[in-house]
Amino acid sequence: MDDSWLAGEFRRVSLFCDAELRDIEYRVLQLRDSWIRRSEQGFFTLGLACYLDLASAKDRNASYYDRVEESNAILSDGFADVYLRLREVLDDSLKTRTVFGSGLALPGFHVWLPNSIPRAKTASIHFDLQYLPIADPGGPPGPGDTVSFTVPVTLPTGGGGLNVWPLHWPEERGKAAGAMDTPCQRLEYKPGEMILHSGLWMHQIAETAAVAPDDIRLTLQGHGVRARDRTILYW
């Protein structure tokens, strides 16, 4: 497969200007007491995330559902304007009505402090299958019914991006184990520019070679799954 598939499957959509990004970063930093530690090296989230708090939880209520209301209140109070812009842009980009899922975590933030920023291809290589416990069992998603998005807010000195393999779920899931032995393509991130895709192409947070002591890697993250006449947004 040549490189032309990337442009069709991974769309770039402008969302925020530089001044807005600085303001969003400031607000995230002001809420540091609400960050959830995800690693000892300095990886956090602001907000709950299905892939961390639901997918492999022994008690899904205690780990995710019982915590959603409090987590969402922090995010909605602090970033109401961000969510309004996000929905407006996604409505237009997806040509559908988007809603935030009832009882589901709002799109939130990945926060990587300097020691946690990946400097090699060590991050998880995966498909975004967070929709599986959320989708309507009477109408499982079909092609084009799932979406994942990342909006870089602040990137480290060496930039940031996404490594992508031409392996699609579920047709080529059997090749996933050997992905590291096959070439990948790197999509470079640009602050304020959303990367929008199905989530079903194998991908990985790309490595950053140059990281300064005061760097931060901050991204707004989320997913969506189509349910009849609307797309439910969540994280």
C-alpha atoms as a PDB file:
ATOM      1  CA  MET A   1       0.000   0.000   0.000  1.00  0.00           C
ATOM      2  CA  ASP A   2       1.431   3.401  -0.958  1.00  0.00           C
ATOM      3  CA  ASP A   3       1.359   6.470   1.285  1.00  0.00           C
ATOM      4  CA  SER A   4      -1.708   8.033  -0.369  1.00  0.00           C
ATOM      5  CA  TRP A   5      -4.103   6.187   1.956  1.00  0.00           C
ATOM      6  CA  LEU A   6      -2.979   8.353   4.892  1.00  0.00           C
ATOM      7  CA  ALA A   7      -4.536  11.576   3.605  1.00  0.00           C
ATOM      8  CA  GLY A   8      -7.866   9.874   3.089  1.00  0.00           C
ATOM      9  CA  GLU A   9      -7.964   8.104   6.435  1.00  0.00           C
ATOM     10  CA  PHE A  10      -6.353  10.717   8.706  1.00  0.00           C
ATOM     11  CA  ARG A  11      -7.895  14.155   8.256  1.00  0.00           C
ATOM     12  CA  ARG A  12      -6.469  17.441   9.543  1.00  0.00           C
ATOM     13  CA  VAL A  13      -8.931  20.030  10.848  1.00  0.00           C
ATOM     14  CA  SER A  14      -7.955  23.414  12.316  1.00  0.00           C
ATOM     15  CA  LEU A  15      -9.510  24.007  15.730  1.00  0.00           C
ATOM     16  CA  PHE A  16      -7.650  26.529  17.921  1.00  0.00           C
ATOM     17  CA  CYS A  17      -5.298  29.476  17.366  1.00  0.00           C
ATOM     18  CA  ASP A  18      -2.077  30.028  19.323  1.00  0.00           C
ATOM     19  CA  ALA A  19      -3.662  32.342  21.890  1.00  0.00           C
ATOM     20  CA  GLU A  20      -6.454  29.850  22.557  1.00  0.00           C
ATOM     21  CA  LEU A  21      -3.923  27.048  22.967  1.00  0.00           C
ATOM     22  CA  ARG A  22      -1.948  29.024  25.539  1.00  0.00           C
ATOM     23  CA  ASP A  23      -5.152  29.663  27.466  1.00  0.00           C
ATOM     24  CA  ILE A  24      -6.151  25.980  27.385  1.00  0.00           C
ATOM     25  CA  GLU A  25      -2.690  24.948  28.602  1.00  0.00           C
ATOM     26  CA  TYR A  26      -2.922  27.471  31.444  1.00  0.00           C
ATOM     27  CA  ARG A  27      -6.293  26.071  32.524  1.00  0.00           C
ATOM     28  CA  VAL A  28      -5.038  22.480  32.451  1.00  0.00           C
ATOM     29  CA  LEU A  29      -2.028  23.418  34.570  1.00  0.00           C
ATOM     30  CA  GLN A  30      -4.272  25.245  37.045  1.00  0.00           C
ATOM     31  CA  LEU A  31      -6.181  21.995  37.558  1.00  0.00           C
ATOM     32  CA  ARG A  32      -3.099  19.946  38.418  1.00  0.00           C
ATOM     33  CA  ASP A  33      -4.658  18.753  41.666  1.00  0.00           C
ATOM     34  CA  SER A  34      -7.289  16.997  39.531  1.00  0.00           C
ATOM     35  CA  TRP A  35      -4.828  15.183  37.255  1.00  0.00           C
ATOM     36  CA  ILE A  36      -4.931  11.402  37.497  1.00  0.00           C
ATOM     37  CA  ARG A  37      -1.466   9.839  37.689  1.00  0.00           C
ATOM     38  CA  ARG A  38      -1.019   7.071  35.116  1.00  0.00           C
ATOM     39  CA  SER A  39       2.711   6.364  35.506  1.00  0.00           C
ATOM     40  CA  GLU A  40       5.508   7.022  37.941  1.00  0.00           C
ATOM     41  CA  GLN A  41       7.493   8.731  35.167  1.00  0.00           C
ATOM     42  CA  GLY A  42       4.982  11.591  34.898  1.00  0.00           C
ATOM     43  CA  PHE A  43       2.121  10.620  32.602  1.00  0.00           C
ATOM     44  CA  PHE A  44      -1.296  11.922  33.706  1.00  0.00           C
ATOM     45  CA  THR A  45      -4.793  12.423  32.409  1.00  0.00           C
ATOM     46  CA  LEU A  46      -7.220  15.186  33.201  1.00  0.00           C
ATOM     47  CA  GLY A  47     -10.403  13.181  32.984  1.00  0.00           C
ATOM     48  CA  LEU A  48     -11.294   9.517  32.941  1.00  0.00           C
ATOM     49  CA  ALA A  49     -10.520   7.392  29.881  1.00  0.00           C
ATOM     50  CA  CYS A  50     -12.172   4.164  28.744  1.00  0.00           C
ATOM     51  CA  TYR A  51      -8.923   2.525  27.737  1.00  0.00           C
ATOM     52  CA  LEU A  52      -7.434   3.117  31.188  1.00  0.00           C
ATOM     53  CA  ASP A  53     -10.405   3.008  33.546  1.00  0.00           C
ATOM     54  CA  LEU A  54     -12.975   0.764  31.871  1.00  0.00           C
ATOM     55  CA  ALA A  55     -11.552  -1.651  29.314  1.00  0.00           C
ATOM     56  CA  SER A  56      -9.790  -4.028  31.714  1.00  0.00           C
ATOM     57  CA  ALA A  57     -11.408  -3.020  35.014  1.00  0.00           C
ATOM     58  CA  LYS A  58     -12.549  -5.760  37.371  1.00  0.00           C
ATOM     59  CA  ASP A  59     -15.198  -3.433  38.788  1.00  0.00           C
ATOM     60  CA  ARG A  60     -16.327  -1.111  35.986  1.00  0.00           C
ATOM     61  CA  ASN A  61     -18.614   0.913  38.218  1.00  0.00           C
ATOM     62  CA  ALA A  62     -15.942   1.671  40.808  1.00  0.00           C
ATOM     63  CA  SER A  63     -13.247   2.309  38.208  1.00  0.00           C
ATOM     64  CA  TYR A  64     -15.233   4.366  35.701  1.00  0.00           C
ATOM     65  CA  TYR A  65     -18.995   4.830  35.868  1.00  0.00           C
ATOM     66  CA  ASP A  66     -19.213   5.913  39.524  1.00  0.00           C
ATOM     67  CA  ARG A  67     -16.493   8.511  38.921  1.00  0.00           C
ATOM     68  CA  VAL A  68     -17.821  10.016  35.697  1.00  0.00           C
ATOM     69  CA  GLU A  69     -20.064  12.684  37.213  1.00  0.00           C
ATOM     70  CA  GLU A  70     -17.322  14.225  39.356  1.00  0.00           C
ATOM     71  CA  SER A  71     -14.722  14.059  36.577  1.00  0.00           C
ATOM     72  CA  ASN A  72     -17.080  15.570  34.001  1.00  0.00           C
ATOM     73  CA  ALA A  73     -18.031  18.414  36.344  1.00  0.00           C
ATOM     74  CA  ILE A  74     -14.376  19.470  36.578  1.00  0.00           C
ATOM     75  CA  LEU A  75     -13.948  19.364  32.813  1.00  0.00           C
ATOM     76  CA  SER A  76     -17.229  21.028  31.875  1.00  0.00           C
ATOM     77  CA  ASP A  77     -16.681  23.826  34.392  1.00  0.00           C
ATOM     78  CA  GLY A  78     -13.163  24.459  33.157  1.00  0.00           C
ATOM     79  CA  PHE A  79     -13.533  23.958  29.411  1.00  0.00           C
ATOM     80  CA  ALA A  80     -17.130  24.697  28.368  1.00  0.00           C
ATOM     81  CA  ASP A  81     -15.936  26.834  25.450  1.00  0.00           C
ATOM     82  CA  VAL A  82     -13.542  24.099  24.304  1.00  0.00           C
ATOM     83  CA  TYR A  83     -16.327  21.531  24.198  1.00  0.00           C
ATOM     84  CA  LEU A  84     -18.627  23.898  22.325  1.00  0.00           C
ATOM     85  CA  ARG A  85     -15.955  24.459  19.655  1.00  0.00           C
ATOM     86  CA  LEU A  86     -15.180  20.747  19.532  1.00  0.00           C
ATOM     87  CA  ARG A  87     -18.796  19.810  18.880  1.00  0.00           C
ATOM     88  CA  GLU A  88     -19.243  22.521  16.261  1.00  0.00           C
ATOM     89  CA  VAL A  89     -16.186  21.350  14.324  1.00  0.00           C
ATOM     90  CA  LEU A  90     -17.069  17.671  14.622  1.00  0.00           C
ATOM     91  CA  ASP A  91     -20.672  18.291  13.564  1.00  0.00           C
ATOM     92  CA  ASP A  92     -19.363  19.902  10.401  1.00  0.00           C
ATOM     93  CA  SER A  93     -16.562  17.410   9.784  1.00  0.00           C
ATOM     94  CA  LEU A  94     -18.641  14.282  10.399  1.00  0.00           C
ATOM     95  CA  LYS A  95     -21.864  15.635   8.881  1.00  0.00           C
ATOM     96  CA  THR A  96     -23.814  14.402  11.858  1.00  0.00           C
ATOM     97  CA  ARG A  97     -25.144  15.663  15.172  1.00  0.00           C
ATOM     98  CA  THR A  98     -22.697  15.013  17.993  1.00  0.00           C
ATOM     99  CA  VAL A  99     -23.656  14.638  21.658  1.00  0.00           C
ATOM    100  CA  PHE A 100     -21.680  13.850  24.762  1.00  0.00           C
ATOM    101  CA  GLY A 101     -22.549  10.375  25.978  1.00  0.00           C
ATOM    102  CA  SER A 102     -24.811  10.190  29.017  1.00  0.00           C
ATOM    103  CA  GLY A 103     -22.903   8.535  31.851  1.00  0.00           C
ATOM    104  CA  LEU A 104     -19.670   8.527  29.843  1.00  0.00           C
ATOM    105  CA  ALA A 105     -16.484  10.501  30.402  1.00  0.00           C
ATOM    106  CA  LEU A 106     -16.042  13.702  28.428  1.00  0.00           C
ATOM    107  CA  PRO A 107     -13.100  13.987  26.043  1.00  0.00           C
ATOM    108  CA  GLY A 108     -10.125  14.843  28.235  1.00  0.00           C
ATOM    109  CA  PHE A 109      -6.433  15.562  28.225  1.00  0.00           C
ATOM    110  CA  HIS A 110      -3.271  13.495  28.059  1.00  0.00           C
ATOM    111  CA  VAL A 111      -0.533  15.224  30.061  1.00  0.00           C
ATOM    112  CA  TRP A 112       3.032  13.995  29.570  1.00  0.00           C
ATOM    113  CA  LEU A 113       5.729  15.634  31.689  1.00  0.00           C
ATOM    114  CA  PRO A 114       9.332  15.522  30.396  1.00  0.00           C
ATOM    115  CA  ASN A 115      10.438  12.179  31.875  1.00  0.00           C
ATOM    116  CA  SER A 116       7.375  10.384  30.524  1.00  0.00           C
ATOM    117  CA  ILE A 117       7.429  11.656  26.929  1.00  0.00           C
ATOM    118  CA  PRO A 118       8.253   8.662  24.693  1.00  0.00           C
ATOM    119  CA  ARG A 119      11.720   8.983  23.164  1.00  0.00           C
ATOM    120  CA  ALA A 120      11.553   5.688  21.267  1.00  0.00           C
ATOM    121  CA  LYS A 121       8.876   3.473  19.746  1.00  0.00           C
ATOM    122  CA  THR A 122       7.861   2.158  23.168  1.00  0.00           C
ATOM    123  CA  ALA A 123       4.265   3.379  23.446  1.00  0.00           C
ATOM    124  CA  SER A 124       1.354   0.980  23.032  1.00  0.00           C
ATOM    125  CA  ILE A 125       0.629  -0.125  19.447  1.00  0.00           C
ATOM    126  CA  HIS A 126      -3.118  -0.543  19.178  1.00  0.00           C
ATOM    127  CA  PHE A 127      -6.489  -0.156  17.518  1.00  0.00           C
ATOM    128  CA  ASP A 128      -9.028   2.102  19.276  1.00  0.00           C
ATOM    129  CA  LEU A 129     -11.596  -0.457  20.391  1.00  0.00           C
ATOM    130  CA  GLN A 130     -13.005   1.584  23.271  1.00  0.00           C
ATOM    131  CA  TYR A 131     -16.370   1.608  21.539  1.00  0.00           C
ATOM    132  CA  LEU A 132     -16.943  -2.118  22.118  1.00  0.00           C
ATOM    133  CA  PRO A 133     -18.505  -1.831  25.611  1.00  0.00           C
ATOM    134  CA  ILE A 134     -20.351   1.356  24.619  1.00  0.00           C
ATOM    135  CA  ALA A 135     -21.891   0.644  21.215  1.00  0.00           C
ATOM    136  CA  ASP A 136     -25.546  -0.350  20.940  1.00  0.00           C
ATOM    137  CA  PRO A 137     -25.482  -4.178  20.904  1.00  0.00           C
ATOM    138  CA  GLY A 138     -28.540  -4.155  18.655  1.00  0.00           C
ATOM    139  CA  GLY A 139     -26.714  -2.170  15.988  1.00  0.00           C
ATOM    140  CA  PRO A 140     -22.951  -2.661  16.086  1.00  0.00           C
ATOM    141  CA  PRO A 141     -20.934   0.050  14.321  1.00  0.00           C
ATOM    142  CA  GLY A 142     -20.190  -0.416  10.658  1.00  0.00           C
ATOM    143  CA  PRO A 143     -17.606   1.246   8.393  1.00  0.00           C
ATOM    144  CA  GLY A 144     -17.419   4.953   9.141  1.00  0.00           C
ATOM    145  CA  ASP A 145     -19.293   4.655  12.438  1.00  0.00           C
ATOM    146  CA  THR A 146     -16.312   5.116  14.772  1.00  0.00           C
ATOM    147  CA  VAL A 147     -14.050   8.105  15.180  1.00  0.00           C
ATOM    148  CA  SER A 148     -11.008   9.043  17.241  1.00  0.00           C
ATOM    149  CA  PHE A 149      -9.472  12.491  17.511  1.00  0.00           C
ATOM    150  CA  THR A 150      -6.397  14.158  18.968  1.00  0.00           C
ATOM    151  CA  VAL A 151      -5.887  17.906  19.259  1.00  0.00           C
ATOM    152  CA  PRO A 152      -2.293  18.810  20.209  1.00  0.00           C
ATOM    153  CA  VAL A 153      -2.317  21.734  22.650  1.00  0.00           C
ATOM    154  CA  THR A 154       1.396  21.876  23.549  1.00  0.00           C
ATOM    155  CA  LEU A 155       4.211  19.796  22.073  1.00  0.00           C
ATOM    156  CA  PRO A 156       7.768  19.190  23.305  1.00  0.00           C
ATOM    157  CA  THR A 157      10.833  20.718  21.693  1.00  0.00           C
ATOM    158  CA  GLY A 158      11.189  17.804  19.276  1.00  0.00           C
ATOM    159  CA  GLY A 159       7.540  17.919  18.229  1.00  0.00           C
ATOM    160  CA  GLY A 160       5.115  15.037  18.342  1.00  0.00           C
ATOM    161  CA  GLY A 161       3.047  12.836  16.133  1.00  0.00           C
ATOM    162  CA  LEU A 162       1.410   9.515  15.436  1.00  0.00           C
ATOM    163  CA  ASN A 163       2.959   6.364  13.989  1.00  0.00           C
ATOM    164  CA  VAL A 164       0.512   4.547  11.721  1.00  0.00           C
ATOM    165  CA  TRP A 165       0.588   1.104  10.118  1.00  0.00           C
ATOM    166  CA  PRO A 166      -1.532   0.045   7.097  1.00  0.00           C
ATOM    167  CA  LEU A 167      -3.193  -2.634   9.228  1.00  0.00           C
ATOM    168  CA  HIS A 168      -6.954  -2.354   9.684  1.00  0.00           C
ATOM    169  CA  TRP A 169      -9.273  -3.818  12.305  1.00  0.00           C
ATOM    170  CA  PRO A 170     -10.650  -6.441  12.116  1.00  0.00           C
ATOM    171  CA  GLU A 171      -9.396  -7.710   8.753  1.00  0.00           C
ATOM    172  CA  GLU A 172      -5.704  -7.596   9.643  1.00  0.00           C
ATOM    173  CA  ARG A 173      -5.745  -7.972  13.402  1.00  0.00           C
ATOM    174  CA  GLY A 174      -3.767 -11.191  13.047  1.00  0.00           C
ATOM    175  CA  LYS A 175      -0.771  -9.182  11.837  1.00  0.00           C
ATOM    176  CA  ALA A 176      -0.764  -6.889  14.859  1.00  0.00           C
ATOM    177  CA  ALA A 177       1.807  -8.909  16.791  1.00  0.00           C
ATOM    178  CA  GLY A 178       4.382  -8.350  14.057  1.00  0.00           C
ATOM    179  CA  ALA A 179       3.713  -4.659  13.552  1.00  0.00           C
ATOM    180  CA  MET A 180       7.047  -3.542  14.991  1.00  0.00           C
ATOM    181  CA  ASP A 181       8.816  -5.513  12.278  1.00  0.00           C
ATOM    182  CA  THR A 182       6.982  -3.681   9.485  1.00  0.00           C
ATOM    183  CA  PRO A 183       7.384  -0.070   8.304  1.00  0.00           C
ATOM    184  CA  CYS A 184       5.094   2.622   9.659  1.00  0.00           C
ATOM    185  CA  GLN A 185       4.271   6.141   8.538  1.00  0.00           C
ATOM    186  CA  ARG A 186       4.615   9.122  10.864  1.00  0.00           C
ATOM    187  CA  LEU A 187       2.014  11.881  10.985  1.00  0.00           C
ATOM    188  CA  GLU A 188       3.457  15.059  12.473  1.00  0.00           C
ATOM    189  CA  TYR A 189       1.221  16.952  14.854  1.00  0.00           C
ATOM    190  CA  LYS A 190       0.618  20.695  14.626  1.00  0.00           C
ATOM    191  CA  PRO A 191      -0.691  22.498  17.732  1.00  0.00           C
ATOM    192  CA  GLY A 192      -4.353  23.402  17.334  1.00  0.00           C
ATOM    193  CA  GLU A 193      -4.884  21.039  14.406  1.00  0.00           C
ATOM    194  CA  MET A 194      -7.095  18.029  15.025  1.00  0.00           C
ATOM    195  CA  ILE A 195      -6.145  14.628  13.626  1.00  0.00           C
ATOM    196  CA  LEU A 196      -9.428  12.854  12.909  1.00  0.00           C
ATOM    197  CA  HIS A 197      -9.612   9.164  11.981  1.00  0.00           C
ATOM    198  CA  SER A 198     -11.630   5.988  12.484  1.00  0.00           C
ATOM    199  CA  GLY A 199      -9.328   4.641  15.198  1.00  0.00           C
ATOM    200  CA  LEU A 200      -9.280   1.308  13.371  1.00  0.00           C
ATOM    201  CA  TRP A 201      -5.899   1.662  11.671  1.00  0.00           C
ATOM    202  CA  MET A 202      -3.095   0.418  13.888  1.00  0.00           C
ATOM    203  CA  HIS A 203      -1.301   3.339  15.498  1.00  0.00           C
ATOM    204  CA  GLN A 204       1.048   4.443  18.260  1.00  0.00           C
ATOM    205  CA  ILE A 205       2.078   7.677  19.965  1.00  0.00           C
ATOM    206  CA  ALA A 206       5.210   8.648  18.039  1.00  0.00           C
ATOM    207  CA  GLU A 207       8.554   9.106  19.692  1.00  0.00           C
ATOM    208  CA  THR A 208      10.095  12.529  20.357  1.00  0.00           C
ATOM    209  CA  ALA A 209      13.881  12.662  20.123  1.00  0.00           C
ATOM    210  CA  ALA A 210      14.449  16.094  21.697  1.00  0.00           C
ATOM    211  CA  VAL A 211      12.831  16.831  25.065  1.00  0.00           C
ATOM    212  CA  ALA A 212      13.782  19.872  27.142  1.00  0.00           C
ATOM    213  CA  PRO A 213      13.578  19.871  30.959  1.00  0.00           C
ATOM    214  CA  ASP A 214      10.505  22.128  30.982  1.00  0.00           C
ATOM    215  CA  ASP A 215       8.677  20.511  28.058  1.00  0.00           C
ATOM    216  CA  ILE A 216       5.136  19.222  28.259  1.00  0.00           C
ATOM    217  CA  ARG A 217       3.142  17.132  25.788  1.00  0.00           C
ATOM    218  CA  LEU A 218      -0.513  18.103  26.171  1.00  0.00           C
ATOM    219  CA  THR A 219      -3.293  16.810  23.919  1.00  0.00           C
ATOM    220  CA  LEU A 220      -7.085  16.833  23.934  1.00  0.00           C
ATOM    221  CA  GLN A 221      -8.326  13.299  23.252  1.00  0.00           C
ATOM    222  CA  GLY A 222     -11.626  11.614  22.531  1.00  0.00           C
ATOM    223  CA  HIS A 223     -13.674   9.146  20.553  1.00  0.00           C
ATOM    224  CA  GLY A 224     -17.077   8.876  18.963  1.00  0.00           C
ATOM    225  CA  VAL A 225     -19.430   6.113  17.893  1.00  0.00           C
ATOM    226  CA  ARG A 226     -22.440   6.576  15.653  1.00  0.00           C
ATOM    227  CA  ALA A 227     -25.780   5.610  17.160  1.00  0.00           C
ATOM    228  CA  ARG A 228     -28.572   5.908  14.616  1.00  0.00           C
ATOM    229  CA  ASP A 229     -28.878   9.632  13.755  1.00  0.00           C
ATOM    230  CA  ARG A 230     -26.115  10.973  16.012  1.00  0.00           C
ATOM    231  CA  THR A 231     -22.543  10.410  17.090  1.00  0.00           C
ATOM    232  CA  ILE A 232     -21.863   9.903  20.799  1.00  0.00           C
ATOM    233  CA  LEU A 233     -18.644  11.540  22.003  1.00  0.00           C
ATOM    234  CA  TYR A 234     -16.742  10.175  24.984  1.00  0.00           C
ATOM    235  CA  TRP A 235     -13.335   9.235  26.339  1.00  0.00           C
END
